[in-house]
Amino acid sequence: MSKPPQRSKQREQEQLGLGYVDRIVKRAGSEFRPIHLEHDYGLDGEIQLFRRRQHTGLYVYVQVKTGGSYFARLSQDGTYIYLRNIKAGHKDLWRRANVPVLLIWVDTRSTEVKAYWGMVPEIFDGNRTRLEKRLVFGVHSLAEIEQRLLPPQKKETPEPLQLTPLVALGSRGQPYDLLSEAKKFYRQWHQLTCTSPILGSVAISRRGWRKITAPSRGKEQIEHSLKLLPLAKAIIEQQKAIQGYRTVSVESDRGYQVTRAHLYLVRRVEFTFRNPAIVVVKLEEVRKFPSMPFVSLPSLESLWIKRRFLTVYERRHV
């Protein structure tokens, strides 16, 4: 009679480490999403950072190492923990990744489990991998990780948004072809590099134009959004916080997991010719990474995050 399948000690260690990290991240109010792969490709999951229940728009890939087999030695002054058995291919992937990578080592050598963390490339000392002993991974660590990804900005009153002729003319009712002017503005915006201080590159694509001008929205809503296009550009380029995040879908596509979400940038605008308004810019975010065990080591082109402009509108209540 054959023996029932047994779980290896290495597998037990891996699950213990991932569970430990997951509990801490959730207690900190953020989200840990494991990448379910049978084979080790050097990335165990990702952490999505939240602050006061609001998504910050910040992500970090995570590799968790668990157990004493990864411990090499302490530095002479006791400030660094040197690790071993870290694959060279994984280090190369972390260095080249277009998303920040966090390494966490879960020390299970005693009954009191502790974990230590570090960011790439700070964890590298030549060909060696080391973690600062003071960086014990706990609930408090998420705030420091966020600070490293996006240094806090000094509190300041945002400067009034400068209105372009497109908005001013449209609002004063002077005769001109709104659709033609808006199309010209959007075409020029598409040709420029649009960069957000918190999200990085944002694509200005035909999809955004089609969504704004969809006949189902009605003539009044279409014209209103067209007039707000210059404000949408200014908000994307100036806004330093995300006011809303909603996952739309999670799908599988040929061995990859594709997550689509909507992000919202909100800004109060003081108009010189009418009452102030709350203007909302809606963006789409698409993230793709391997999700199936038979996928080979992914290229960096397959681990990406893309964001693009969808629409702009005004809230009725300020």
C-alpha atoms as a PDB file:
ATOM      1  CA  MET A   1       0.000   0.000   0.000  1.00  0.00           C
ATOM      2  CA  SER A   2       1.501   3.313  -1.066  1.00  0.00           C
ATOM      3  CA  LYS A   3       2.013   6.078   1.450  1.00  0.00           C
ATOM      4  CA  PRO A   4      -0.211   9.154   1.244  1.00  0.00           C
ATOM      5  CA  PRO A   5       1.515  12.283  -0.083  1.00  0.00           C
ATOM      6  CA  GLN A   6       3.434  14.241   2.501  1.00  0.00           C
ATOM      7  CA  ARG A   7       4.128  17.924   2.702  1.00  0.00           C
ATOM      8  CA  SER A   8       7.834  18.700   2.698  1.00  0.00           C
ATOM      9  CA  LYS A   9       9.494  20.672   5.476  1.00  0.00           C
ATOM     10  CA  GLN A  10      10.486  23.324   2.944  1.00  0.00           C
ATOM     11  CA  ARG A  11       6.845  23.728   1.924  1.00  0.00           C
ATOM     12  CA  GLU A  12       5.827  24.073   5.580  1.00  0.00           C
ATOM     13  CA  GLN A  13       8.464  26.778   6.056  1.00  0.00           C
ATOM     14  CA  GLU A  14       7.301  28.662   2.968  1.00  0.00           C
ATOM     15  CA  GLN A  15       3.671  28.652   4.084  1.00  0.00           C
ATOM     16  CA  LEU A  16       4.621  29.705   7.595  1.00  0.00           C
ATOM     17  CA  GLY A  17       6.591  32.669   6.254  1.00  0.00           C
ATOM     18  CA  LEU A  18       3.898  33.795   3.808  1.00  0.00           C
ATOM     19  CA  GLY A  19       1.223  33.491   6.495  1.00  0.00           C
ATOM     20  CA  TYR A  20       3.347  35.530   8.919  1.00  0.00           C
ATOM     21  CA  VAL A  21       3.791  38.316   6.376  1.00  0.00           C
ATOM     22  CA  ASP A  22       0.119  38.236   5.360  1.00  0.00           C
ATOM     23  CA  ARG A  23      -1.062  38.659   8.977  1.00  0.00           C
ATOM     24  CA  ILE A  24       1.217  41.643   9.604  1.00  0.00           C
ATOM     25  CA  VAL A  25       0.250  43.391   6.368  1.00  0.00           C
ATOM     26  CA  LYS A  26      -3.465  42.950   7.083  1.00  0.00           C
ATOM     27  CA  ARG A  27      -3.062  44.205  10.657  1.00  0.00           C
ATOM     28  CA  ALA A  28      -1.408  47.306   9.204  1.00  0.00           C
ATOM     29  CA  GLY A  29      -4.477  47.913   7.046  1.00  0.00           C
ATOM     30  CA  SER A  30      -2.820  47.066   3.736  1.00  0.00           C
ATOM     31  CA  GLU A  31      -3.243  44.134   1.345  1.00  0.00           C
ATOM     32  CA  PHE A  32      -0.933  41.193   0.588  1.00  0.00           C
ATOM     33  CA  ARG A  33      -1.671  39.292  -2.608  1.00  0.00           C
ATOM     34  CA  PRO A  34       0.342  36.088  -3.110  1.00  0.00           C
ATOM     35  CA  ILE A  35       1.363  34.950  -6.575  1.00  0.00           C
ATOM     36  CA  HIS A  36       0.347  31.285  -6.693  1.00  0.00           C
ATOM     37  CA  LEU A  37       3.222  29.506  -8.416  1.00  0.00           C
ATOM     38  CA  GLU A  38       4.462  25.985  -7.806  1.00  0.00           C
ATOM     39  CA  HIS A  39       7.933  26.923  -8.995  1.00  0.00           C
ATOM     40  CA  ASP A  40      10.037  29.648  -7.409  1.00  0.00           C
ATOM     41  CA  TYR A  41      10.485  32.534  -9.811  1.00  0.00           C
ATOM     42  CA  GLY A  42      11.802  34.953  -7.207  1.00  0.00           C
ATOM     43  CA  LEU A  43       8.531  36.784  -6.444  1.00  0.00           C
ATOM     44  CA  ASP A  44       6.032  35.510  -3.874  1.00  0.00           C
ATOM     45  CA  GLY A  45       3.450  38.278  -4.086  1.00  0.00           C
ATOM     46  CA  GLU A  46       2.793  41.970  -3.845  1.00  0.00           C
ATOM     47  CA  ILE A  47       1.803  44.414  -1.130  1.00  0.00           C
ATOM     48  CA  GLN A  48      -0.704  47.139  -1.927  1.00  0.00           C
ATOM     49  CA  LEU A  49      -0.282  50.011   0.502  1.00  0.00           C
ATOM     50  CA  PHE A  50      -3.308  51.674   2.075  1.00  0.00           C
ATOM     51  CA  ARG A  51      -3.401  54.693   4.374  1.00  0.00           C
ATOM     52  CA  ARG A  52      -6.497  55.237   6.504  1.00  0.00           C
ATOM     53  CA  ARG A  53      -8.422  52.825   4.246  1.00  0.00           C
ATOM     54  CA  GLN A  54      -7.462  54.812   1.136  1.00  0.00           C
ATOM     55  CA  HIS A  55      -5.321  53.218  -1.530  1.00  0.00           C
ATOM     56  CA  THR A  56      -2.040  55.118  -1.911  1.00  0.00           C
ATOM     57  CA  GLY A  57      -1.413  53.842  -5.441  1.00  0.00           C
ATOM     58  CA  LEU A  58       1.846  52.303  -4.221  1.00  0.00           C
ATOM     59  CA  TYR A  59       2.834  48.674  -4.792  1.00  0.00           C
ATOM     60  CA  VAL A  60       5.860  46.605  -3.922  1.00  0.00           C
ATOM     61  CA  TYR A  61       6.738  43.067  -5.008  1.00  0.00           C
ATOM     62  CA  VAL A  62       7.691  40.737  -2.167  1.00  0.00           C
ATOM     63  CA  GLN A  63      10.022  37.754  -1.869  1.00  0.00           C
ATOM     64  CA  VAL A  64       9.777  35.897   1.451  1.00  0.00           C
ATOM     65  CA  LYS A  65      12.573  33.601   2.671  1.00  0.00           C
ATOM     66  CA  THR A  66      11.827  31.479   5.726  1.00  0.00           C
ATOM     67  CA  GLY A  67      14.009  29.461   8.057  1.00  0.00           C
ATOM     68  CA  GLY A  68      17.557  29.114   9.313  1.00  0.00           C
ATOM     69  CA  SER A  69      18.873  27.700   6.050  1.00  0.00           C
ATOM     70  CA  TYR A  70      19.066  31.250   4.690  1.00  0.00           C
ATOM     71  CA  PHE A  71      21.057  32.640   7.638  1.00  0.00           C
ATOM     72  CA  ALA A  72      24.769  33.029   6.961  1.00  0.00           C
ATOM     73  CA  ARG A  73      26.168  35.271   9.695  1.00  0.00           C
ATOM     74  CA  LEU A  74      25.952  38.579  11.495  1.00  0.00           C
ATOM     75  CA  SER A  75      28.283  41.412  10.591  1.00  0.00           C
ATOM     76  CA  GLN A  76      31.108  42.067  13.067  1.00  0.00           C
ATOM     77  CA  ASP A  77      29.323  45.070  14.552  1.00  0.00           C
ATOM     78  CA  GLY A  78      26.003  43.180  14.679  1.00  0.00           C
ATOM     79  CA  THR A  79      24.118  45.672  12.501  1.00  0.00           C
ATOM     80  CA  TYR A  80      23.600  43.439   9.451  1.00  0.00           C
ATOM     81  CA  ILE A  81      22.251  39.937   8.871  1.00  0.00           C
ATOM     82  CA  TYR A  82      23.939  38.252   5.898  1.00  0.00           C
ATOM     83  CA  LEU A  83      21.841  35.720   4.005  1.00  0.00           C
ATOM     84  CA  ARG A  84      22.840  32.766   1.828  1.00  0.00           C
ATOM     85  CA  ASN A  85      21.202  30.466  -0.706  1.00  0.00           C
ATOM     86  CA  ILE A  86      19.732  33.408  -2.637  1.00  0.00           C
ATOM     87  CA  LYS A  87      19.684  32.500  -6.327  1.00  0.00           C
ATOM     88  CA  ALA A  88      21.658  34.765  -8.635  1.00  0.00           C
ATOM     89  CA  GLY A  89      18.819  34.725 -11.162  1.00  0.00           C
ATOM     90  CA  HIS A  90      16.408  36.039  -8.557  1.00  0.00           C
ATOM     91  CA  LYS A  91      18.774  38.870  -7.627  1.00  0.00           C
ATOM     92  CA  ASP A  92      19.072  39.834 -11.265  1.00  0.00           C
ATOM     93  CA  LEU A  93      15.270  39.848 -11.631  1.00  0.00           C
ATOM     94  CA  TRP A  94      14.872  42.064  -8.557  1.00  0.00           C
ATOM     95  CA  ARG A  95      17.455  44.543  -9.848  1.00  0.00           C
ATOM     96  CA  ARG A  96      15.757  44.822 -13.244  1.00  0.00           C
ATOM     97  CA  ALA A  97      12.137  44.863 -12.048  1.00  0.00           C
ATOM     98  CA  ASN A  98      10.148  47.953 -12.956  1.00  0.00           C
ATOM     99  CA  VAL A  99       8.315  47.768  -9.605  1.00  0.00           C
ATOM    100  CA  PRO A 100      10.122  48.097  -6.222  1.00  0.00           C
ATOM    101  CA  VAL A 101      11.054  44.755  -4.637  1.00  0.00           C
ATOM    102  CA  LEU A 102      11.004  43.980  -0.916  1.00  0.00           C
ATOM    103  CA  LEU A 103      12.936  41.042   0.579  1.00  0.00           C
ATOM    104  CA  ILE A 104      11.690  39.619   3.885  1.00  0.00           C
ATOM    105  CA  TRP A 105      13.500  36.932   5.866  1.00  0.00           C
ATOM    106  CA  VAL A 106      11.391  35.150   8.495  1.00  0.00           C
ATOM    107  CA  ASP A 107      13.628  33.763  11.251  1.00  0.00           C
ATOM    108  CA  THR A 108      12.083  30.590  12.691  1.00  0.00           C
ATOM    109  CA  ARG A 109      15.172  29.321  14.513  1.00  0.00           C
ATOM    110  CA  SER A 110      13.561  29.978  17.909  1.00  0.00           C
ATOM    111  CA  THR A 111      10.025  29.827  19.287  1.00  0.00           C
ATOM    112  CA  GLU A 112       9.808  33.618  18.984  1.00  0.00           C
ATOM    113  CA  VAL A 113       9.435  34.139  15.237  1.00  0.00           C
ATOM    114  CA  LYS A 114      10.861  37.377  13.880  1.00  0.00           C
ATOM    115  CA  ALA A 115      11.168  38.810  10.389  1.00  0.00           C
ATOM    116  CA  TYR A 116      13.545  41.354   8.869  1.00  0.00           C
ATOM    117  CA  TRP A 117      13.149  43.334   5.681  1.00  0.00           C
ATOM    118  CA  GLY A 118      15.042  45.390   3.140  1.00  0.00           C
ATOM    119  CA  MET A 119      14.518  47.062  -0.238  1.00  0.00           C
ATOM    120  CA  VAL A 120      16.322  46.374  -3.488  1.00  0.00           C
ATOM    121  CA  PRO A 121      19.027  47.527  -4.242  1.00  0.00           C
ATOM    122  CA  GLU A 122      19.908  48.495  -0.647  1.00  0.00           C
ATOM    123  CA  ILE A 123      20.081  44.834   0.396  1.00  0.00           C
ATOM    124  CA  PHE A 124      23.064  44.118  -1.858  1.00  0.00           C
ATOM    125  CA  ASP A 125      26.641  44.327  -0.590  1.00  0.00           C
ATOM    126  CA  GLY A 126      28.535  43.398  -3.726  1.00  0.00           C
ATOM    127  CA  ASN A 127      27.470  39.830  -4.488  1.00  0.00           C
ATOM    128  CA  ARG A 128      26.218  39.294  -0.955  1.00  0.00           C
ATOM    129  CA  THR A 129      22.699  39.881   0.385  1.00  0.00           C
ATOM    130  CA  ARG A 130      22.188  41.490   3.749  1.00  0.00           C
ATOM    131  CA  LEU A 131      19.382  42.973   5.861  1.00  0.00           C
ATOM    132  CA  GLU A 132      19.654  45.592   8.580  1.00  0.00           C
ATOM    133  CA  LYS A 133      18.992  43.966  11.951  1.00  0.00           C
ATOM    134  CA  ARG A 134      17.122  47.052  13.149  1.00  0.00           C
ATOM    135  CA  LEU A 135      14.512  46.639  10.385  1.00  0.00           C
ATOM    136  CA  VAL A 136      12.257  44.127  12.138  1.00  0.00           C
ATOM    137  CA  PHE A 137       9.182  43.530  10.005  1.00  0.00           C
ATOM    138  CA  GLY A 138       6.021  44.476  11.861  1.00  0.00           C
ATOM    139  CA  VAL A 139       2.880  46.586  11.570  1.00  0.00           C
ATOM    140  CA  HIS A 140       4.976  49.739  11.907  1.00  0.00           C
ATOM    141  CA  SER A 141       7.129  48.761   8.923  1.00  0.00           C
ATOM    142  CA  LEU A 142       4.454  49.523   6.321  1.00  0.00           C
ATOM    143  CA  ALA A 143       4.630  53.254   7.057  1.00  0.00           C
ATOM    144  CA  GLU A 144       8.406  53.259   6.593  1.00  0.00           C
ATOM    145  CA  ILE A 145       8.128  51.247   3.372  1.00  0.00           C
ATOM    146  CA  GLU A 146       5.606  53.776   2.056  1.00  0.00           C
ATOM    147  CA  GLN A 147       7.936  56.605   3.045  1.00  0.00           C
ATOM    148  CA  ARG A 148      10.758  55.033   1.056  1.00  0.00           C
ATOM    149  CA  LEU A 149       8.564  54.564  -1.985  1.00  0.00           C
ATOM    150  CA  LEU A 150       7.071  58.052  -1.821  1.00  0.00           C
ATOM    151  CA  PRO A 151       8.796  60.524   0.547  1.00  0.00           C
ATOM    152  CA  PRO A 152       6.162  62.568   2.421  1.00  0.00           C
ATOM    153  CA  GLN A 153       5.477  66.006   1.010  1.00  0.00           C
ATOM    154  CA  LYS A 154       5.307  69.115   3.113  1.00  0.00           C
ATOM    155  CA  LYS A 155       1.767  70.277   3.713  1.00  0.00           C
ATOM    156  CA  GLU A 156       1.036  73.128   1.408  1.00  0.00           C
ATOM    157  CA  THR A 157      -1.980  74.815  -0.110  1.00  0.00           C
ATOM    158  CA  PRO A 158      -2.252  73.763  -3.767  1.00  0.00           C
ATOM    159  CA  GLU A 159      -1.818  76.637  -6.158  1.00  0.00           C
ATOM    160  CA  PRO A 160      -4.967  77.560  -8.099  1.00  0.00           C
ATOM    161  CA  LEU A 161      -5.236  75.656 -11.351  1.00  0.00           C
ATOM    162  CA  GLN A 162      -4.568  77.836 -14.390  1.00  0.00           C
ATOM    163  CA  LEU A 163      -7.499  77.702 -16.770  1.00  0.00           C
ATOM    164  CA  THR A 164      -6.691  77.429 -20.473  1.00  0.00           C
ATOM    165  CA  PRO A 165      -8.621  79.248 -23.242  1.00  0.00           C
ATOM    166  CA  LEU A 166     -10.515  76.010 -23.946  1.00  0.00           C
ATOM    167  CA  VAL A 167     -12.207  76.102 -20.543  1.00  0.00           C
ATOM    168  CA  ALA A 168     -12.569  79.876 -20.348  1.00  0.00           C
ATOM    169  CA  LEU A 169     -14.138  80.278 -23.788  1.00  0.00           C
ATOM    170  CA  GLY A 170     -16.449  77.339 -23.321  1.00  0.00           C
ATOM    171  CA  SER A 171     -17.653  78.670 -19.994  1.00  0.00           C
ATOM    172  CA  ARG A 172     -18.290  82.232 -21.200  1.00  0.00           C
ATOM    173  CA  GLY A 173     -20.329  81.078 -24.141  1.00  0.00           C
ATOM    174  CA  GLN A 174     -18.309  82.820 -26.828  1.00  0.00           C
ATOM    175  CA  PRO A 175     -18.809  81.352 -30.311  1.00  0.00           C
ATOM    176  CA  TYR A 176     -16.336  78.640 -31.227  1.00  0.00           C
ATOM    177  CA  ASP A 177     -16.276  74.968 -32.211  1.00  0.00           C
ATOM    178  CA  LEU A 178     -15.923  73.121 -28.877  1.00  0.00           C
ATOM    179  CA  LEU A 179     -15.473  69.669 -30.408  1.00  0.00           C
ATOM    180  CA  SER A 180     -12.764  70.893 -32.788  1.00  0.00           C
ATOM    181  CA  GLU A 181     -10.877  72.756 -30.045  1.00  0.00           C
ATOM    182  CA  ALA A 182     -11.138  69.795 -27.650  1.00  0.00           C
ATOM    183  CA  LYS A 183      -9.952  67.351 -30.296  1.00  0.00           C
ATOM    184  CA  LYS A 184      -6.955  69.586 -31.044  1.00  0.00           C
ATOM    185  CA  PHE A 185      -6.101  69.820 -27.333  1.00  0.00           C
ATOM    186  CA  TYR A 186      -6.463  66.060 -26.795  1.00  0.00           C
ATOM    187  CA  ARG A 187      -4.291  65.268 -29.810  1.00  0.00           C
ATOM    188  CA  GLN A 188      -1.512  67.536 -28.491  1.00  0.00           C
ATOM    189  CA  TRP A 189      -1.856  66.029 -24.998  1.00  0.00           C
ATOM    190  CA  HIS A 190      -1.580  62.528 -26.498  1.00  0.00           C
ATOM    191  CA  GLN A 191       1.744  63.465 -28.143  1.00  0.00           C
ATOM    192  CA  LEU A 192       3.229  64.775 -24.892  1.00  0.00           C
ATOM    193  CA  THR A 193       4.521  62.738 -21.943  1.00  0.00           C
ATOM    194  CA  CYS A 194       1.934  62.899 -19.153  1.00  0.00           C
ATOM    195  CA  THR A 195       3.495  62.206 -15.745  1.00  0.00           C
ATOM    196  CA  SER A 196       1.807  62.045 -12.345  1.00  0.00           C
ATOM    197  CA  PRO A 197       3.917  62.733  -9.219  1.00  0.00           C
ATOM    198  CA  ILE A 198       2.331  59.733  -7.489  1.00  0.00           C
ATOM    199  CA  LEU A 199       1.535  57.320 -10.343  1.00  0.00           C
ATOM    200  CA  GLY A 200       4.284  57.956 -12.870  1.00  0.00           C
ATOM    201  CA  SER A 201       3.502  57.773 -16.580  1.00  0.00           C
ATOM    202  CA  VAL A 202      -0.163  58.038 -17.579  1.00  0.00           C
ATOM    203  CA  ALA A 203      -1.119  57.222 -21.175  1.00  0.00           C
ATOM    204  CA  ILE A 204      -3.478  59.521 -23.063  1.00  0.00           C
ATOM    205  CA  SER A 205      -5.121  57.080 -25.458  1.00  0.00           C
ATOM    206  CA  ARG A 206      -7.967  56.898 -27.960  1.00  0.00           C
ATOM    207  CA  ARG A 207      -9.968  54.938 -25.419  1.00  0.00           C
ATOM    208  CA  GLY A 208     -10.252  58.003 -23.201  1.00  0.00           C
ATOM    209  CA  TRP A 209     -11.492  60.103 -26.115  1.00  0.00           C
ATOM    210  CA  ARG A 210     -14.036  57.442 -27.127  1.00  0.00           C
ATOM    211  CA  LYS A 211     -15.321  57.162 -23.562  1.00  0.00           C
ATOM    212  CA  ILE A 212     -15.766  60.932 -23.207  1.00  0.00           C
ATOM    213  CA  THR A 213     -17.518  61.312 -26.570  1.00  0.00           C
ATOM    214  CA  ALA A 214     -19.684  58.172 -26.347  1.00  0.00           C
ATOM    215  CA  PRO A 215     -23.187  59.081 -27.648  1.00  0.00           C
ATOM    216  CA  SER A 216     -24.788  57.261 -24.702  1.00  0.00           C
ATOM    217  CA  ARG A 217     -23.510  60.004 -22.361  1.00  0.00           C
ATOM    218  CA  GLY A 218     -25.675  62.652 -23.936  1.00  0.00           C
ATOM    219  CA  LYS A 219     -24.678  65.958 -25.535  1.00  0.00           C
ATOM    220  CA  GLU A 220     -24.602  67.973 -22.309  1.00  0.00           C
ATOM    221  CA  GLN A 221     -22.309  65.550 -20.448  1.00  0.00           C
ATOM    222  CA  ILE A 222     -19.992  65.224 -23.446  1.00  0.00           C
ATOM    223  CA  GLU A 223     -19.590  69.000 -23.781  1.00  0.00           C
ATOM    224  CA  HIS A 224     -19.041  69.347 -20.044  1.00  0.00           C
ATOM    225  CA  SER A 225     -16.196  66.783 -20.048  1.00  0.00           C
ATOM    226  CA  LEU A 226     -14.616  68.328 -23.147  1.00  0.00           C
ATOM    227  CA  LYS A 227     -14.433  71.709 -21.397  1.00  0.00           C
ATOM    228  CA  LEU A 228     -12.745  70.059 -18.380  1.00  0.00           C
ATOM    229  CA  LEU A 229      -9.958  68.361 -20.372  1.00  0.00           C
ATOM    230  CA  PRO A 230      -7.289  71.010 -19.546  1.00  0.00           C
ATOM    231  CA  LEU A 231      -8.192  70.697 -15.865  1.00  0.00           C
ATOM    232  CA  ALA A 232      -7.807  66.908 -16.111  1.00  0.00           C
ATOM    233  CA  LYS A 233      -4.280  67.390 -17.449  1.00  0.00           C
ATOM    234  CA  ALA A 234      -3.406  69.820 -14.644  1.00  0.00           C
ATOM    235  CA  ILE A 235      -4.852  67.555 -11.940  1.00  0.00           C
ATOM    236  CA  ILE A 236      -2.943  64.487 -13.175  1.00  0.00           C
ATOM    237  CA  GLU A 237       0.324  66.451 -13.285  1.00  0.00           C
ATOM    238  CA  GLN A 238      -0.144  68.099  -9.866  1.00  0.00           C
ATOM    239  CA  GLN A 239      -2.177  65.789  -7.628  1.00  0.00           C
ATOM    240  CA  LYS A 240      -0.102  64.025  -4.952  1.00  0.00           C
ATOM    241  CA  ALA A 241      -2.731  61.671  -3.525  1.00  0.00           C
ATOM    242  CA  ILE A 242      -5.339  59.199  -4.759  1.00  0.00           C
ATOM    243  CA  GLN A 243      -8.848  59.715  -3.406  1.00  0.00           C
ATOM    244  CA  GLY A 244     -10.396  56.487  -4.691  1.00  0.00           C
ATOM    245  CA  TYR A 245      -9.445  52.992  -5.871  1.00  0.00           C
ATOM    246  CA  ARG A 246     -11.789  50.246  -7.096  1.00  0.00           C
ATOM    247  CA  THR A 247     -10.900  46.856  -8.537  1.00  0.00           C
ATOM    248  CA  VAL A 248     -13.009  46.267 -11.642  1.00  0.00           C
ATOM    249  CA  SER A 249     -11.963  42.765 -12.703  1.00  0.00           C
ATOM    250  CA  VAL A 250      -9.403  40.018 -12.167  1.00  0.00           C
ATOM    251  CA  GLU A 251      -8.988  37.722 -15.165  1.00  0.00           C
ATOM    252  CA  SER A 252      -6.692  34.950 -16.359  1.00  0.00           C
ATOM    253  CA  ASP A 253      -5.047  35.343 -19.754  1.00  0.00           C
ATOM    254  CA  ARG A 254      -2.747  32.602 -21.083  1.00  0.00           C
ATOM    255  CA  GLY A 255      -1.067  31.912 -17.755  1.00  0.00           C
ATOM    256  CA  TYR A 256      -1.146  35.477 -16.485  1.00  0.00           C
ATOM    257  CA  GLN A 257      -3.379  37.278 -14.032  1.00  0.00           C
ATOM    258  CA  VAL A 258      -4.680  40.614 -15.329  1.00  0.00           C
ATOM    259  CA  THR A 259      -6.161  43.024 -12.797  1.00  0.00           C
ATOM    260  CA  ARG A 260      -8.077  46.097 -13.919  1.00  0.00           C
ATOM    261  CA  ALA A 261      -8.898  48.899 -11.519  1.00  0.00           C
ATOM    262  CA  HIS A 262     -10.181  52.471 -11.554  1.00  0.00           C
ATOM    263  CA  LEU A 263      -8.294  55.255  -9.767  1.00  0.00           C
ATOM    264  CA  TYR A 264      -9.819  58.623  -8.903  1.00  0.00           C
ATOM    265  CA  LEU A 265      -8.035  61.961  -8.526  1.00  0.00           C
ATOM    266  CA  VAL A 266     -10.224  64.641  -6.959  1.00  0.00           C
ATOM    267  CA  ARG A 267      -9.548  68.398  -6.836  1.00  0.00           C
ATOM    268  CA  ARG A 268     -11.535  71.466  -5.779  1.00  0.00           C
ATOM    269  CA  VAL A 269     -11.316  74.116  -8.483  1.00  0.00           C
ATOM    270  CA  GLU A 270     -11.932  77.825  -7.941  1.00  0.00           C
ATOM    271  CA  PHE A 271     -13.398  79.322 -11.113  1.00  0.00           C
ATOM    272  CA  THR A 272     -13.237  83.060 -11.791  1.00  0.00           C
ATOM    273  CA  PHE A 273     -16.519  83.105 -13.689  1.00  0.00           C
ATOM    274  CA  ARG A 274     -18.763  80.761 -11.665  1.00  0.00           C
ATOM    275  CA  ASN A 275     -19.049  78.857  -8.404  1.00  0.00           C
ATOM    276  CA  PRO A 276     -16.259  76.458  -7.336  1.00  0.00           C
ATOM    277  CA  ALA A 277     -16.564  72.799  -8.229  1.00  0.00           C
ATOM    278  CA  ILE A 278     -15.148  69.375  -7.389  1.00  0.00           C
ATOM    279  CA  VAL A 279     -13.496  67.933 -10.508  1.00  0.00           C
ATOM    280  CA  VAL A 280     -12.870  64.167 -10.682  1.00  0.00           C
ATOM    281  CA  VAL A 281     -10.339  62.540 -13.016  1.00  0.00           C
ATOM    282  CA  LYS A 282     -10.873  58.824 -13.612  1.00  0.00           C
ATOM    283  CA  LEU A 283      -7.925  56.631 -14.628  1.00  0.00           C
ATOM    284  CA  GLU A 284      -7.661  52.962 -15.534  1.00  0.00           C
ATOM    285  CA  GLU A 285      -4.890  50.767 -14.171  1.00  0.00           C
ATOM    286  CA  VAL A 286      -3.992  47.385 -15.682  1.00  0.00           C
ATOM    287  CA  ARG A 287      -1.530  45.076 -13.927  1.00  0.00           C
ATOM    288  CA  LYS A 288      -0.268  41.762 -15.294  1.00  0.00           C
ATOM    289  CA  PHE A 289       1.856  39.031 -13.716  1.00  0.00           C
ATOM    290  CA  PRO A 290       2.224  35.219 -13.976  1.00  0.00           C
ATOM    291  CA  SER A 291      -0.470  33.167 -12.267  1.00  0.00           C
ATOM    292  CA  MET A 292      -0.005  29.620 -13.558  1.00  0.00           C
ATOM    293  CA  PRO A 293       2.605  27.033 -12.516  1.00  0.00           C
ATOM    294  CA  PHE A 294       3.608  26.149 -16.086  1.00  0.00           C
ATOM    295  CA  VAL A 295       4.735  29.676 -16.977  1.00  0.00           C
ATOM    296  CA  SER A 296       8.495  29.982 -17.463  1.00  0.00           C
ATOM    297  CA  LEU A 297      10.529  32.725 -15.795  1.00  0.00           C
ATOM    298  CA  PRO A 298       8.668  35.873 -16.831  1.00  0.00           C
ATOM    299  CA  SER A 299      10.335  38.628 -18.780  1.00  0.00           C
ATOM    300  CA  LEU A 300      10.107  42.091 -17.317  1.00  0.00           C
ATOM    301  CA  GLU A 301       7.733  43.054 -20.117  1.00  0.00           C
ATOM    302  CA  SER A 302       5.281  40.552 -18.607  1.00  0.00           C
ATOM    303  CA  LEU A 303       5.426  42.147 -15.145  1.00  0.00           C
ATOM    304  CA  TRP A 304       3.993  45.559 -15.764  1.00  0.00           C
ATOM    305  CA  ILE A 305       1.620  48.207 -14.575  1.00  0.00           C
ATOM    306  CA  LYS A 306       0.011  50.520 -17.116  1.00  0.00           C
ATOM    307  CA  ARG A 307      -2.215  53.486 -16.359  1.00  0.00           C
ATOM    308  CA  ARG A 308      -4.267  55.570 -18.757  1.00  0.00           C
ATOM    309  CA  PHE A 309      -6.715  58.449 -18.666  1.00  0.00           C
ATOM    310  CA  LEU A 310     -10.394  57.517 -18.974  1.00  0.00           C
ATOM    311  CA  THR A 311     -12.568  60.560 -18.337  1.00  0.00           C
ATOM    312  CA  VAL A 312     -13.123  63.730 -16.325  1.00  0.00           C
ATOM    313  CA  TYR A 313     -16.340  65.025 -14.786  1.00  0.00           C
ATOM    314  CA  GLU A 314     -17.643  67.390 -12.146  1.00  0.00           C
ATOM    315  CA  ARG A 315     -19.345  66.460  -8.909  1.00  0.00           C
ATOM    316  CA  ARG A 316     -22.573  68.294  -8.415  1.00  0.00           C
ATOM    317  CA  HIS A 317     -22.081  68.854  -4.690  1.00  0.00           C
ATOM    318  CA  VAL A 318     -19.016  70.734  -3.382  1.00  0.00           C
END
